All heavy atoms as atom14 arrays in JSON, in Angstrom:
{
  "sequence": "KAATQQLLEAEATQLLASAEERNGIKMIKSAFPNRDAAEI",
  "atom14_mask": [
    [1, 1, 1, 1, 1, 1, 1, 1, 1, 0, 0, 0, 0, 0],
    [1, 1, 1, 1, 1, 0, 0, 0, 0, 0, 0, 0, 0, 0],
    [1, 1, 1, 1, 1, 0, 0, 0, 0, 0, 0, 0, 0, 0],
    [1, 1, 1, 1, 1, 1, 1, 0, 0, 0, 0, 0, 0, 0],
    [1, 1, 1, 1, 1, 1, 1, 1, 1, 0, 0, 0, 0, 0],
    [1, 1, 1, 1, 1, 1, 1, 1, 1, 0, 0, 0, 0, 0],
    [1, 1, 1, 1, 1, 1, 1, 1, 0, 0, 0, 0, 0, 0],
    [1, 1, 1, 1, 1, 1, 1, 1, 0, 0, 0, 0, 0, 0],
    [1, 1, 1, 1, 1, 1, 1, 1, 1, 0, 0, 0, 0, 0],
    [1, 1, 1, 1, 1, 0, 0, 0, 0, 0, 0, 0, 0, 0],
    [1, 1, 1, 1, 1, 1, 1, 1, 1, 0, 0, 0, 0, 0],
    [1, 1, 1, 1, 1, 0, 0, 0, 0, 0, 0, 0, 0, 0],
    [1, 1, 1, 1, 1, 1, 1, 0, 0, 0, 0, 0, 0, 0],
    [1, 1, 1, 1, 1, 1, 1, 1, 1, 0, 0, 0, 0, 0],
    [1, 1, 1, 1, 1, 1, 1, 1, 0, 0, 0, 0, 0, 0],
    [1, 1, 1, 1, 1, 1, 1, 1, 0, 0, 0, 0, 0, 0],
    [1, 1, 1, 1, 1, 0, 0, 0, 0, 0, 0, 0, 0, 0],
    [1, 1, 1, 1, 1, 1, 0, 0, 0, 0, 0, 0, 0, 0],
    [1, 1, 1, 1, 1, 0, 0, 0, 0, 0, 0, 0, 0, 0],
    [1, 1, 1, 1, 1, 1, 1, 1, 1, 0, 0, 0, 0, 0],
    [1, 1, 1, 1, 1, 1, 1, 1, 1, 0, 0, 0, 0, 0],
    [1, 1, 1, 1, 1, 1, 1, 1, 1, 1, 1, 0, 0, 0],
    [1, 1, 1, 1, 1, 1, 1, 1, 0, 0, 0, 0, 0, 0],
    [1, 1, 1, 1, 0, 0, 0, 0, 0, 0, 0, 0, 0, 0],
    [1, 1, 1, 1, 1, 1, 1, 1, 0, 0, 0, 0, 0, 0],
    [1, 1, 1, 1, 1, 1, 1, 1, 1, 0, 0, 0, 0, 0],
    [1, 1, 1, 1, 1, 1, 1, 1, 0, 0, 0, 0, 0, 0],
    [1, 1, 1, 1, 1, 1, 1, 1, 0, 0, 0, 0, 0, 0],
    [1, 1, 1, 1, 1, 1, 1, 1, 1, 0, 0, 0, 0, 0],
    [1, 1, 1, 1, 1, 1, 0, 0, 0, 0, 0, 0, 0, 0],
    [1, 1, 1, 1, 1, 0, 0, 0, 0, 0, 0, 0, 0, 0],
    [1, 1, 1, 1, 1, 1, 1, 1, 1, 1, 1, 0, 0, 0],
    [1, 1, 1, 1, 1, 1, 1, 0, 0, 0, 0, 0, 0, 0],
    [1, 1, 1, 1, 1, 1, 1, 1, 0, 0, 0, 0, 0, 0],
    [1, 1, 1, 1, 1, 1, 1, 1, 1, 1, 1, 0, 0, 0],
    [1, 1, 1, 1, 1, 1, 1, 1, 0, 0, 0, 0, 0, 0],
    [1, 1, 1, 1, 1, 0, 0, 0, 0, 0, 0, 0, 0, 0],
    [1, 1, 1, 1, 1, 0, 0, 0, 0, 0, 0, 0, 0, 0],
    [1, 1, 1, 1, 1, 1, 1, 1, 1, 0, 0, 0, 0, 0],
    [1, 1, 1, 1, 1, 1, 1, 1, 0, 0, 0, 0, 0, 0]
  ],
  "atom14_positions": [
    [[6.81, 19.65, -11.41], [6.23, 18.29, -11.4], [7.06, 17.43, -10.47], [6.48, 16.6, -9.71], [6.3, 17.74, -12.82], [5.69, 16.36, -12.95], [5.65, 15.92, -14.37], [5.0, 14.48, -14.48], [5.0, 14.04, -15.92], [0.0, 0.0, 0.0], [0.0, 0.0, 0.0], [0.0, 0.0, 0.0], [0.0, 0.0, 0.0], [0.0, 0.0, 0.0]],
    [[8.4, 17.56, -10.55], [9.25, 16.75, -9.64], [9.0, 17.05, -8.21], [8.9, 16.16, -7.3], [10.7, 16.93, -9.97], [0.0, 0.0, 0.0], [0.0, 0.0, 0.0], [0.0, 0.0, 0.0], [0.0, 0.0, 0.0], [0.0, 0.0, 0.0], [0.0, 0.0, 0.0], [0.0, 0.0, 0.0], [0.0, 0.0, 0.0], [0.0, 0.0, 0.0]],
    [[8.85, 18.33, -7.85], [8.64, 18.78, -6.51], [7.28, 18.3, -6.0], [7.14, 17.89, -4.84], [8.77, 20.31, -6.4], [0.0, 0.0, 0.0], [0.0, 0.0, 0.0], [0.0, 0.0, 0.0], [0.0, 0.0, 0.0], [0.0, 0.0, 0.0], [0.0, 0.0, 0.0], [0.0, 0.0, 0.0], [0.0, 0.0, 0.0], [0.0, 0.0, 0.0]],
    [[6.3, 18.4, -6.87], [4.94, 17.96, -6.52], [4.94, 16.47, -6.2], [4.27, 16.05, -5.21], [3.95, 18.27, -7.58], [3.93, 19.67, -7.88], [2.53, 17.81, -7.3], [0.0, 0.0, 0.0], [0.0, 0.0, 0.0], [0.0, 0.0, 0.0], [0.0, 0.0, 0.0], [0.0, 0.0, 0.0], [0.0, 0.0, 0.0], [0.0, 0.0, 0.0]],
    [[5.74, 15.68, -6.98], [5.72, 14.28, -6.77], [6.34, 13.95, -5.38], [5.92, 13.06, -4.64], [6.48, 13.55, -7.89], [5.79, 13.53, -9.23], [4.46, 12.85, -9.16], [4.36, 11.7, -8.64], [3.44, 13.36, -9.81], [0.0, 0.0, 0.0], [0.0, 0.0, 0.0], [0.0, 0.0, 0.0], [0.0, 0.0, 0.0], [0.0, 0.0, 0.0]],
    [[7.43, 14.67, -5.05], [8.07, 14.5, -3.81], [7.13, 14.86, -2.62], [7.06, 14.11, -1.6], [9.33, 15.36, -3.73], [10.44, 14.89, -4.66], [11.66, 15.8, -4.6], [11.62, 16.82, -4.0], [12.72, 15.41, -5.26], [0.0, 0.0, 0.0], [0.0, 0.0, 0.0], [0.0, 0.0, 0.0], [0.0, 0.0, 0.0], [0.0, 0.0, 0.0]],
    [[6.38, 15.95, -2.77], [5.46, 16.37, -1.75], [4.34, 15.34, -1.56], [3.93, 15.05, -0.46], [4.9, 17.71, -2.06], [5.85, 18.92, -1.86], [5.21, 20.2, -2.43], [6.18, 19.13, -0.45], [0.0, 0.0, 0.0], [0.0, 0.0, 0.0], [0.0, 0.0, 0.0], [0.0, 0.0, 0.0], [0.0, 0.0, 0.0], [0.0, 0.0, 0.0]],
    [[3.87, 14.81, -2.69], [2.82, 13.79, -2.6], [3.3, 12.53, -1.96], [2.53, 11.89, -1.2], [2.23, 13.5, -4.02], [1.4, 14.66, -4.66], [1.06, 14.3, -6.05], [0.14, 14.92, -3.85], [0.0, 0.0, 0.0], [0.0, 0.0, 0.0], [0.0, 0.0, 0.0], [0.0, 0.0, 0.0], [0.0, 0.0, 0.0], [0.0, 0.0, 0.0]],
    [[4.55, 12.16, -2.27], [5.16, 11.0, -1.6], [5.16, 11.17, -0.07], [4.79, 10.33, 0.71], [6.56, 10.76, -2.13], [6.63, 10.29, -3.57], [6.35, 8.75, -3.72], [5.99, 8.14, -2.7], [6.34, 8.29, -4.87], [0.0, 0.0, 0.0], [0.0, 0.0, 0.0], [0.0, 0.0, 0.0], [0.0, 0.0, 0.0], [0.0, 0.0, 0.0]],
    [[5.62, 12.36, 0.34], [5.74, 12.64, 1.77], [4.3, 12.74, 2.35], [4.1, 12.23, 3.51], [6.43, 14.03, 1.96], [0.0, 0.0, 0.0], [0.0, 0.0, 0.0], [0.0, 0.0, 0.0], [0.0, 0.0, 0.0], [0.0, 0.0, 0.0], [0.0, 0.0, 0.0], [0.0, 0.0, 0.0], [0.0, 0.0, 0.0], [0.0, 0.0, 0.0]],
    [[3.37, 13.31, 1.63], [2.0, 13.37, 2.21], [1.39, 12.01, 2.32], [0.74, 11.69, 3.33], [1.12, 14.25, 1.27], [-0.23, 14.55, 1.77], [-1.04, 15.45, 0.89], [-0.58, 15.81, -0.21], [-2.15, 15.9, 1.29], [0.0, 0.0, 0.0], [0.0, 0.0, 0.0], [0.0, 0.0, 0.0], [0.0, 0.0, 0.0], [0.0, 0.0, 0.0]],
    [[1.65, 11.16, 1.32], [1.09, 9.81, 1.42], [1.67, 9.03, 2.6], [0.98, 8.32, 3.34], [1.4, 9.04, 0.1], [0.0, 0.0, 0.0], [0.0, 0.0, 0.0], [0.0, 0.0, 0.0], [0.0, 0.0, 0.0], [0.0, 0.0, 0.0], [0.0, 0.0, 0.0], [0.0, 0.0, 0.0], [0.0, 0.0, 0.0], [0.0, 0.0, 0.0]],
    [[2.97, 9.21, 2.79], [3.62, 8.52, 3.93], [3.02, 8.97, 5.29], [2.79, 8.18, 6.13], [5.18, 8.82, 3.91], [5.74, 8.36, 2.71], [5.89, 8.2, 5.1], [0.0, 0.0, 0.0], [0.0, 0.0, 0.0], [0.0, 0.0, 0.0], [0.0, 0.0, 0.0], [0.0, 0.0, 0.0], [0.0, 0.0, 0.0], [0.0, 0.0, 0.0]],
    [[2.82, 10.3, 5.39], [2.21, 10.89, 6.59], [0.83, 10.36, 6.8], [0.44, 10.03, 7.97], [2.27, 12.4, 6.51], [1.79, 13.06, 7.8], [1.84, 14.58, 7.66], [1.94, 15.14, 6.6], [1.7, 15.23, 8.81], [0.0, 0.0, 0.0], [0.0, 0.0, 0.0], [0.0, 0.0, 0.0], [0.0, 0.0, 0.0], [0.0, 0.0, 0.0]],
    [[0.03, 10.32, 5.77], [-1.4, 9.9, 5.9], [-1.42, 8.38, 6.27], [-2.26, 7.95, 7.05], [-2.13, 10.1, 4.59], [-2.49, 11.54, 4.25], [-3.05, 11.68, 2.84], [-3.51, 12.04, 5.26], [0.0, 0.0, 0.0], [0.0, 0.0, 0.0], [0.0, 0.0, 0.0], [0.0, 0.0, 0.0], [0.0, 0.0, 0.0], [0.0, 0.0, 0.0]],
    [[-0.55, 7.58, 5.69], [-0.53, 6.19, 6.03], [-0.08, 5.92, 7.51], [-0.62, 5.05, 8.18], [0.47, 5.42, 5.08], [-0.03, 5.23, 3.61], [1.09, 4.76, 2.75], [-1.18, 4.25, 3.57], [0.0, 0.0, 0.0], [0.0, 0.0, 0.0], [0.0, 0.0, 0.0], [0.0, 0.0, 0.0], [0.0, 0.0, 0.0], [0.0, 0.0, 0.0]],
    [[0.88, 6.74, 7.89], [1.4, 6.63, 9.3], [0.26, 6.94, 10.28], [0.21, 6.37, 11.44], [2.61, 7.52, 9.54], [0.0, 0.0, 0.0], [0.0, 0.0, 0.0], [0.0, 0.0, 0.0], [0.0, 0.0, 0.0], [0.0, 0.0, 0.0], [0.0, 0.0, 0.0], [0.0, 0.0, 0.0], [0.0, 0.0, 0.0], [0.0, 0.0, 0.0]],
    [[-0.61, 7.87, 9.96], [-1.63, 8.27, 10.96], [-2.96, 7.55, 10.79], [-3.92, 7.76, 11.54], [-1.87, 9.81, 10.84], [-2.31, 10.11, 9.55], [0.0, 0.0, 0.0], [0.0, 0.0, 0.0], [0.0, 0.0, 0.0], [0.0, 0.0, 0.0], [0.0, 0.0, 0.0], [0.0, 0.0, 0.0], [0.0, 0.0, 0.0], [0.0, 0.0, 0.0]],
    [[-3.04, 6.69, 9.8], [-4.33, 6.02, 9.51], [-4.57, 4.88, 10.53], [-3.62, 4.16, 10.93], [-4.3, 5.4, 8.14], [0.0, 0.0, 0.0], [0.0, 0.0, 0.0], [0.0, 0.0, 0.0], [0.0, 0.0, 0.0], [0.0, 0.0, 0.0], [0.0, 0.0, 0.0], [0.0, 0.0, 0.0], [0.0, 0.0, 0.0], [0.0, 0.0, 0.0]],
    [[-5.8, 4.78, 10.94], [-6.24, 3.71, 11.87], [-6.59, 2.45, 11.03], [-7.21, 2.55, 10.0], [-7.4, 4.14, 12.69], [-7.14, 5.27, 13.64], [-8.32, 5.56, 14.56], [-9.35, 4.83, 14.47], [-8.28, 6.56, 15.28], [0.0, 0.0, 0.0], [0.0, 0.0, 0.0], [0.0, 0.0, 0.0], [0.0, 0.0, 0.0], [0.0, 0.0, 0.0]],
    [[-6.2, 1.3, 11.56], [-6.5, 0.06, 10.9], [-7.72, -0.59, 11.49], [-7.78, -0.79, 12.69], [-5.33, -0.89, 10.96], [-5.49, -2.13, 10.11], [-4.18, -2.93, 9.99], [-3.07, -2.32, 10.03], [-4.29, -4.18, 9.87], [0.0, 0.0, 0.0], [0.0, 0.0, 0.0], [0.0, 0.0, 0.0], [0.0, 0.0, 0.0], [0.0, 0.0, 0.0]],
    [[-8.72, -0.92, 10.64], [-9.93, -1.58, 11.09], [-10.17, -2.81, 10.21], [-10.28, -2.75, 8.95], [-11.11, -0.68, 10.98], [-11.0, 0.59, 11.82], [-12.18, 1.52, 11.54], [-12.06, 2.79, 12.24], [-12.93, 3.82, 12.02], [-14.0, 3.67, 11.26], [-12.71, 4.93, 12.69], [0.0, 0.0, 0.0], [0.0, 0.0, 0.0], [0.0, 0.0, 0.0]],
    [[-10.21, -3.99, 10.87], [-10.47, -5.25, 10.18], [-9.44, -5.47, 9.07], [-9.82, -5.94, 7.96], [-11.92, -5.3, 9.6], [-12.94, -5.16, 10.63], [-12.81, -5.7, 11.76], [-14.03, -4.42, 10.38], [0.0, 0.0, 0.0], [0.0, 0.0, 0.0], [0.0, 0.0, 0.0], [0.0, 0.0, 0.0], [0.0, 0.0, 0.0], [0.0, 0.0, 0.0]],
    [[-8.21, -5.1, 9.31], [-7.17, -5.3, 8.42], [-7.11, -4.3, 7.26], [-6.37, -4.45, 6.3], [0.0, 0.0, 0.0], [0.0, 0.0, 0.0], [0.0, 0.0, 0.0], [0.0, 0.0, 0.0], [0.0, 0.0, 0.0], [0.0, 0.0, 0.0], [0.0, 0.0, 0.0], [0.0, 0.0, 0.0], [0.0, 0.0, 0.0], [0.0, 0.0, 0.0]],
    [[-7.92, -3.2, 7.36], [-7.96, -2.18, 6.31], [-7.52, -0.86, 6.96], [-8.01, -0.41, 8.0], [-9.33, -2.04, 5.76], [-9.83, -3.34, 5.06], [-9.45, -0.87, 4.72], [-11.19, -3.3, 4.53], [0.0, 0.0, 0.0], [0.0, 0.0, 0.0], [0.0, 0.0, 0.0], [0.0, 0.0, 0.0], [0.0, 0.0, 0.0], [0.0, 0.0, 0.0]],
    [[-6.61, -0.16, 6.3], [-6.24, 1.19, 6.62], [-7.17, 2.15, 5.8], [-7.01, 2.21, 4.65], [-4.77, 1.47, 6.33], [-3.84, 0.86, 7.29], [-2.38, 1.38, 7.08], [-1.49, 0.84, 8.15], [-0.03, 1.38, 7.96], [0.0, 0.0, 0.0], [0.0, 0.0, 0.0], [0.0, 0.0, 0.0], [0.0, 0.0, 0.0], [0.0, 0.0, 0.0]],
    [[-8.05, 2.82, 6.55], [-9.0, 3.69, 5.9], [-8.47, 5.13, 6.01], [-8.26, 5.66, 7.08], [-10.38, 3.62, 6.62], [-11.43, 4.54, 5.97], [-12.12, 3.85, 4.48], [-12.92, 2.4, 5.16], [0.0, 0.0, 0.0], [0.0, 0.0, 0.0], [0.0, 0.0, 0.0], [0.0, 0.0, 0.0], [0.0, 0.0, 0.0], [0.0, 0.0, 0.0]],
    [[-8.31, 5.76, 4.83], [-7.89, 7.16, 4.81], [-8.93, 7.97, 4.13], [-9.26, 7.82, 2.93], [-6.52, 7.27, 3.99], [-5.47, 6.44, 4.64], [-6.09, 8.77, 3.86], [-4.18, 6.33, 3.89], [0.0, 0.0, 0.0], [0.0, 0.0, 0.0], [0.0, 0.0, 0.0], [0.0, 0.0, 0.0], [0.0, 0.0, 0.0], [0.0, 0.0, 0.0]],
    [[-9.61, 8.85, 4.94], [-10.63, 9.68, 4.5], [-10.18, 11.16, 4.71], [-9.84, 11.52, 5.84], [-11.94, 9.41, 5.2], [-13.09, 10.26, 4.76], [-14.35, 10.05, 5.65], [-14.11, 10.72, 7.0], [-15.35, 10.72, 7.78], [0.0, 0.0, 0.0], [0.0, 0.0, 0.0], [0.0, 0.0, 0.0], [0.0, 0.0, 0.0], [0.0, 0.0, 0.0]],
    [[-10.26, 11.9, 3.62], [-9.82, 13.3, 3.75], [-10.42, 14.19, 2.67], [-10.63, 13.73, 1.56], [-8.27, 13.41, 3.68], [-7.84, 14.68, 3.99], [0.0, 0.0, 0.0], [0.0, 0.0, 0.0], [0.0, 0.0, 0.0], [0.0, 0.0, 0.0], [0.0, 0.0, 0.0], [0.0, 0.0, 0.0], [0.0, 0.0, 0.0], [0.0, 0.0, 0.0]],
    [[-10.78, 15.41, 3.12], [-11.32, 16.44, 2.17], [-10.37, 17.6, 2.14], [-9.95, 18.09, 3.14], [-12.71, 16.88, 2.55], [0.0, 0.0, 0.0], [0.0, 0.0, 0.0], [0.0, 0.0, 0.0], [0.0, 0.0, 0.0], [0.0, 0.0, 0.0], [0.0, 0.0, 0.0], [0.0, 0.0, 0.0], [0.0, 0.0, 0.0], [0.0, 0.0, 0.0]],
    [[-10.05, 18.02, 0.91], [-9.06, 19.15, 0.72], [-9.78, 20.32, 0.1], [-10.47, 20.17, -0.95], [-7.94, 18.7, -0.19], [-7.25, 17.43, 0.27], [-7.6, 16.18, -0.26], [-6.23, 17.49, 1.23], [-7.03, 15.04, 0.13], [-5.6, 16.34, 1.64], [-5.97, 15.09, 1.13], [0.0, 0.0, 0.0], [0.0, 0.0, 0.0], [0.0, 0.0, 0.0]],
    [[-9.64, 21.54, 0.64], [-10.27, 22.67, -0.02], [-9.45, 23.16, -1.23], [-8.2, 23.25, -1.19], [-10.25, 23.74, 1.06], [-9.06, 23.38, 1.96], [-8.99, 21.86, 1.89], [0.0, 0.0, 0.0], [0.0, 0.0, 0.0], [0.0, 0.0, 0.0], [0.0, 0.0, 0.0], [0.0, 0.0, 0.0], [0.0, 0.0, 0.0], [0.0, 0.0, 0.0]],
    [[-10.17, 23.36, -2.37], [-9.62, 24.01, -3.58], [-8.34, 23.31, -3.99], [-7.26, 23.94, -4.29], [-9.25, 25.48, -3.29], [-10.51, 26.29, -2.94], [-11.53, 26.18, -3.63], [-10.47, 27.01, -1.85], [0.0, 0.0, 0.0], [0.0, 0.0, 0.0], [0.0, 0.0, 0.0], [0.0, 0.0, 0.0], [0.0, 0.0, 0.0], [0.0, 0.0, 0.0]],
    [[-8.38, 22.0, -4.17], [-7.18, 21.27, -4.65], [-7.54, 20.63, -6.01], [-8.66, 20.19, -6.25], [-6.85, 20.18, -3.62], [-5.47, 19.6, -3.84], [-4.97, 18.92, -2.58], [-3.65, 18.34, -2.75], [-2.97, 17.66, -1.85], [-3.56, 17.5, -0.65], [-1.81, 17.14, -2.07], [0.0, 0.0, 0.0], [0.0, 0.0, 0.0], [0.0, 0.0, 0.0]],
    [[-6.51, 20.56, -6.78], [-6.65, 20.03, -8.16], [-7.1, 18.55, -8.09], [-6.47, 17.75, -7.34], [-5.39, 20.18, -8.94], [-5.48, 19.66, -10.39], [-6.21, 20.28, -11.16], [-4.91, 18.62, -10.69], [0.0, 0.0, 0.0], [0.0, 0.0, 0.0], [0.0, 0.0, 0.0], [0.0, 0.0, 0.0], [0.0, 0.0, 0.0], [0.0, 0.0, 0.0]],
    [[-8.12, 18.18, -8.84], [-8.6, 16.82, -8.83], [-7.55, 15.8, -9.32], [-7.48, 14.67, -8.77], [-9.89, 16.73, -9.72], [0.0, 0.0, 0.0], [0.0, 0.0, 0.0], [0.0, 0.0, 0.0], [0.0, 0.0, 0.0], [0.0, 0.0, 0.0], [0.0, 0.0, 0.0], [0.0, 0.0, 0.0], [0.0, 0.0, 0.0], [0.0, 0.0, 0.0]],
    [[-6.74, 16.23, -10.31], [-5.75, 15.31, -10.82], [-4.69, 15.04, -9.74], [-4.13, 13.92, -9.62], [-5.08, 15.87, -12.07], [0.0, 0.0, 0.0], [0.0, 0.0, 0.0], [0.0, 0.0, 0.0], [0.0, 0.0, 0.0], [0.0, 0.0, 0.0], [0.0, 0.0, 0.0], [0.0, 0.0, 0.0], [0.0, 0.0, 0.0], [0.0, 0.0, 0.0]],
    [[-4.41, 16.02, -8.88], [-3.47, 15.89, -7.8], [-3.95, 14.88, -6.77], [-3.19, 14.04, -6.24], [-3.16, 17.2, -7.2], [-2.01, 17.23, -6.18], [-1.62, 18.63, -5.77], [-1.13, 19.37, -6.54], [-1.89, 18.91, -4.54], [0.0, 0.0, 0.0], [0.0, 0.0, 0.0], [0.0, 0.0, 0.0], [0.0, 0.0, 0.0], [0.0, 0.0, 0.0]],
    [[-5.2, 14.96, -6.36], [-5.73, 14.05, -5.34], [-5.88, 12.61, -5.96], [-5.77, 11.64, -5.21], [-7.05, 14.48, -4.7], [-8.19, 14.51, -5.69], [-6.87, 15.81, -3.98], [-9.51, 14.67, -4.99], [0.0, 0.0, 0.0], [0.0, 0.0, 0.0], [0.0, 0.0, 0.0], [0.0, 0.0, 0.0], [0.0, 0.0, 0.0], [0.0, 0.0, 0.0]]
  ]
}
């Protein structure tokens, strides 16, 4: 659980860094294959 939280923190940071901002909104759209719904 601790490791997963750390990975999700890192993933969130990466997604935010690569997100394009439109009209003041950072839109993050992504589809993940075979991933747990609670995790996303």
